Amino acid sequence: MMVAGIGSRKGISARDVLAAIETALEAHGLAMTALSALATASLKQDEQAILSAGRELALPVIVVEDDALKAASSRAISRSSLSQAHAGTPSVSEASALAAAGKDAKLLGPRIVLGPVTCAIAISGDAA
């Protein structure tokens, strides 16, 4: 299972989200078709741009609950004091991707930042 974790500021567009996902995948030589799901933190569960991106890609959007997000946070590569203050994790995108992809998931690399959106790609342990 390959998951794109999404973090963002408020008021983004689906185009912003899709561009960040595409940029992250291209950085790893992957296509959109490689993804199994999108993921984000529960504090972003009503962010319409993320939900719209999932619909456009015909992928489920996994909302990661706070306890699972925090449990995955220790495996994050990137550190954002803003993310830590607002979401309780050093990287919403990385922790969301890791939590959604499973306990043995690994990040393909650090998150990418594209304007107001961050995206990290994680792969489940059984797919590695």
Protein backbone atom coordinates (compact mmCIF):
# COMPACT_ATOMS: atom_id res chain seq x y z
CA MET A 1 0.00 0.00 0.00
CA MET A 2 1.33 3.42 -0.95
CA VAL A 3 -0.14 6.48 0.77
CA ALA A 4 0.26 10.20 0.14
CA GLY A 5 0.03 12.09 3.42
CA ILE A 6 -1.22 15.65 3.09
CA GLY A 7 -0.70 18.66 5.35
CA SER A 8 -1.77 22.18 4.50
CA ARG A 9 -2.71 25.66 5.50
CA LYS A 10 -6.39 26.54 5.50
CA GLY A 11 -8.13 27.69 2.34
CA ILE A 12 -6.16 25.72 -0.23
CA SER A 13 -7.49 24.45 -3.55
CA ALA A 14 -7.73 20.90 -4.85
CA ARG A 15 -5.30 22.01 -7.57
CA ASP A 16 -2.76 22.88 -4.83
CA VAL A 17 -3.15 19.41 -3.31
CA LEU A 18 -2.91 17.60 -6.64
CA ALA A 19 0.21 19.57 -7.61
CA ALA A 20 1.91 18.68 -4.32
CA ILE A 21 1.05 15.00 -4.73
CA GLU A 22 2.35 14.98 -8.30
CA THR A 23 5.57 16.73 -7.26
CA ALA A 24 6.17 14.27 -4.42
CA LEU A 25 5.54 11.26 -6.64
CA GLU A 26 7.78 12.62 -9.41
CA ALA A 27 10.58 13.11 -6.87
CA HIS A 28 10.50 9.34 -6.35
CA GLY A 29 9.97 8.41 -10.01
CA LEU A 30 6.37 7.33 -9.41
CA ALA A 31 3.05 7.94 -11.15
CA MET A 32 -0.32 8.81 -9.59
CA THR A 33 -1.47 5.26 -10.33
CA ALA A 34 0.99 3.98 -7.70
CA LEU A 35 -1.11 5.48 -4.88
CA SER A 36 -3.57 3.45 -2.84
CA ALA A 37 -4.93 6.30 -0.70
CA LEU A 38 -4.51 9.84 0.58
CA ALA A 39 -4.23 10.53 4.30
CA THR A 40 -4.46 13.54 6.57
CA ALA A 41 -4.85 14.38 10.24
CA SER A 42 -8.25 14.57 11.89
CA LEU A 43 -7.89 18.34 12.24
CA LYS A 44 -7.94 18.48 8.40
CA GLN A 45 -10.90 16.12 7.94
CA ASP A 46 -13.16 18.94 6.73
CA GLU A 47 -10.61 20.48 4.35
CA GLN A 48 -12.59 20.36 1.11
CA ALA A 49 -9.52 20.60 -1.12
CA ILE A 50 -8.09 17.35 0.27
CA LEU A 51 -11.43 15.57 -0.03
CA SER A 52 -11.87 16.90 -3.59
CA ALA A 53 -8.39 15.70 -4.56
CA GLY A 54 -9.28 12.23 -3.31
CA ARG A 55 -12.47 12.24 -5.35
CA GLU A 56 -10.65 13.45 -8.46
CA LEU A 57 -8.08 10.67 -8.10
CA ALA A 58 -10.75 8.10 -7.14
CA LEU A 59 -8.79 7.35 -3.96
CA PRO A 60 -10.01 7.08 -0.38
CA VAL A 61 -8.99 9.82 2.03
CA ILE A 62 -7.96 8.22 5.31
CA VAL A 63 -8.47 10.49 8.30
CA VAL A 64 -5.84 9.63 10.89
CA GLU A 65 -7.00 9.99 14.48
CA ASP A 66 -4.85 11.96 16.92
CA ASP A 67 -3.49 8.95 18.84
CA ALA A 68 -2.35 7.20 15.65
CA LEU A 69 -0.85 10.46 14.34
CA LYS A 70 1.15 10.93 17.53
CA ALA A 71 2.27 7.29 17.52
CA ALA A 72 3.67 7.70 13.99
CA SER A 73 5.26 11.09 14.71
CA SER A 74 8.47 9.61 16.09
CA ARG A 75 9.17 8.19 12.62
CA ALA A 76 8.78 11.55 10.87
CA ILE A 77 11.86 12.90 9.11
CA SER A 78 10.87 16.57 8.90
CA ARG A 79 10.41 18.85 11.90
CA SER A 80 8.11 21.88 11.82
CA SER A 81 7.56 23.84 15.02
CA LEU A 82 4.36 25.25 13.51
CA SER A 83 3.02 21.76 12.80
CA GLN A 84 4.04 20.62 16.28
CA ALA A 85 2.20 23.55 17.88
CA HIS A 86 -0.99 23.23 15.82
CA ALA A 87 -1.26 19.48 15.25
CA GLY A 88 0.89 17.87 17.94
CA THR A 89 3.18 16.30 15.35
CA PRO A 90 6.39 17.54 13.69
CA SER A 91 4.93 16.78 10.24
CA VAL A 92 1.24 16.24 9.50
CA SER A 93 1.97 14.87 6.03
CA GLU A 94 4.67 12.40 7.12
CA ALA A 95 2.88 11.17 10.25
CA SER A 96 -0.42 10.81 8.36
CA ALA A 97 1.20 8.82 5.56
CA LEU A 98 3.02 6.55 8.02
CA ALA A 99 -0.03 5.95 10.21
CA ALA A 100 -2.30 5.19 7.26
CA ALA A 101 0.20 2.83 5.61
CA GLY A 102 0.59 0.68 8.73
CA LYS A 103 2.91 0.03 11.65
CA ASP A 104 5.86 -1.12 9.54
CA ALA A 105 5.46 1.64 6.93
CA LYS A 106 8.42 3.65 5.73
CA LEU A 107 8.67 7.08 4.18
CA LEU A 108 10.21 7.19 0.72
CA GLY A 109 11.86 10.46 1.75
CA PRO A 110 11.12 13.72 3.53
CA ARG A 111 7.92 15.60 2.75
CA ILE A 112 7.87 18.04 -0.11
CA VAL A 113 6.58 21.55 0.42
CA LEU A 114 4.76 23.16 -2.48
CA GLY A 115 3.38 26.52 -1.44
CA PRO A 116 0.69 25.95 1.21
CA VAL A 117 0.70 22.13 0.93
CA THR A 118 3.04 19.42 2.18
CA CYS A 119 3.03 15.87 0.86
CA ALA A 120 4.89 12.77 2.01
CA ILE A 121 4.79 9.31 0.48
CA ALA A 122 4.85 6.19 2.67
CA ILE A 123 4.81 2.56 1.68
CA SER A 124 3.52 -0.26 3.86
CA GLY A 125 5.99 -2.74 5.30
CA ASP A 126 4.53 -5.62 3.29
CA ALA A 127 4.97 -3.70 0.03
CA ALA A 128 8.58 -2.67 0.64
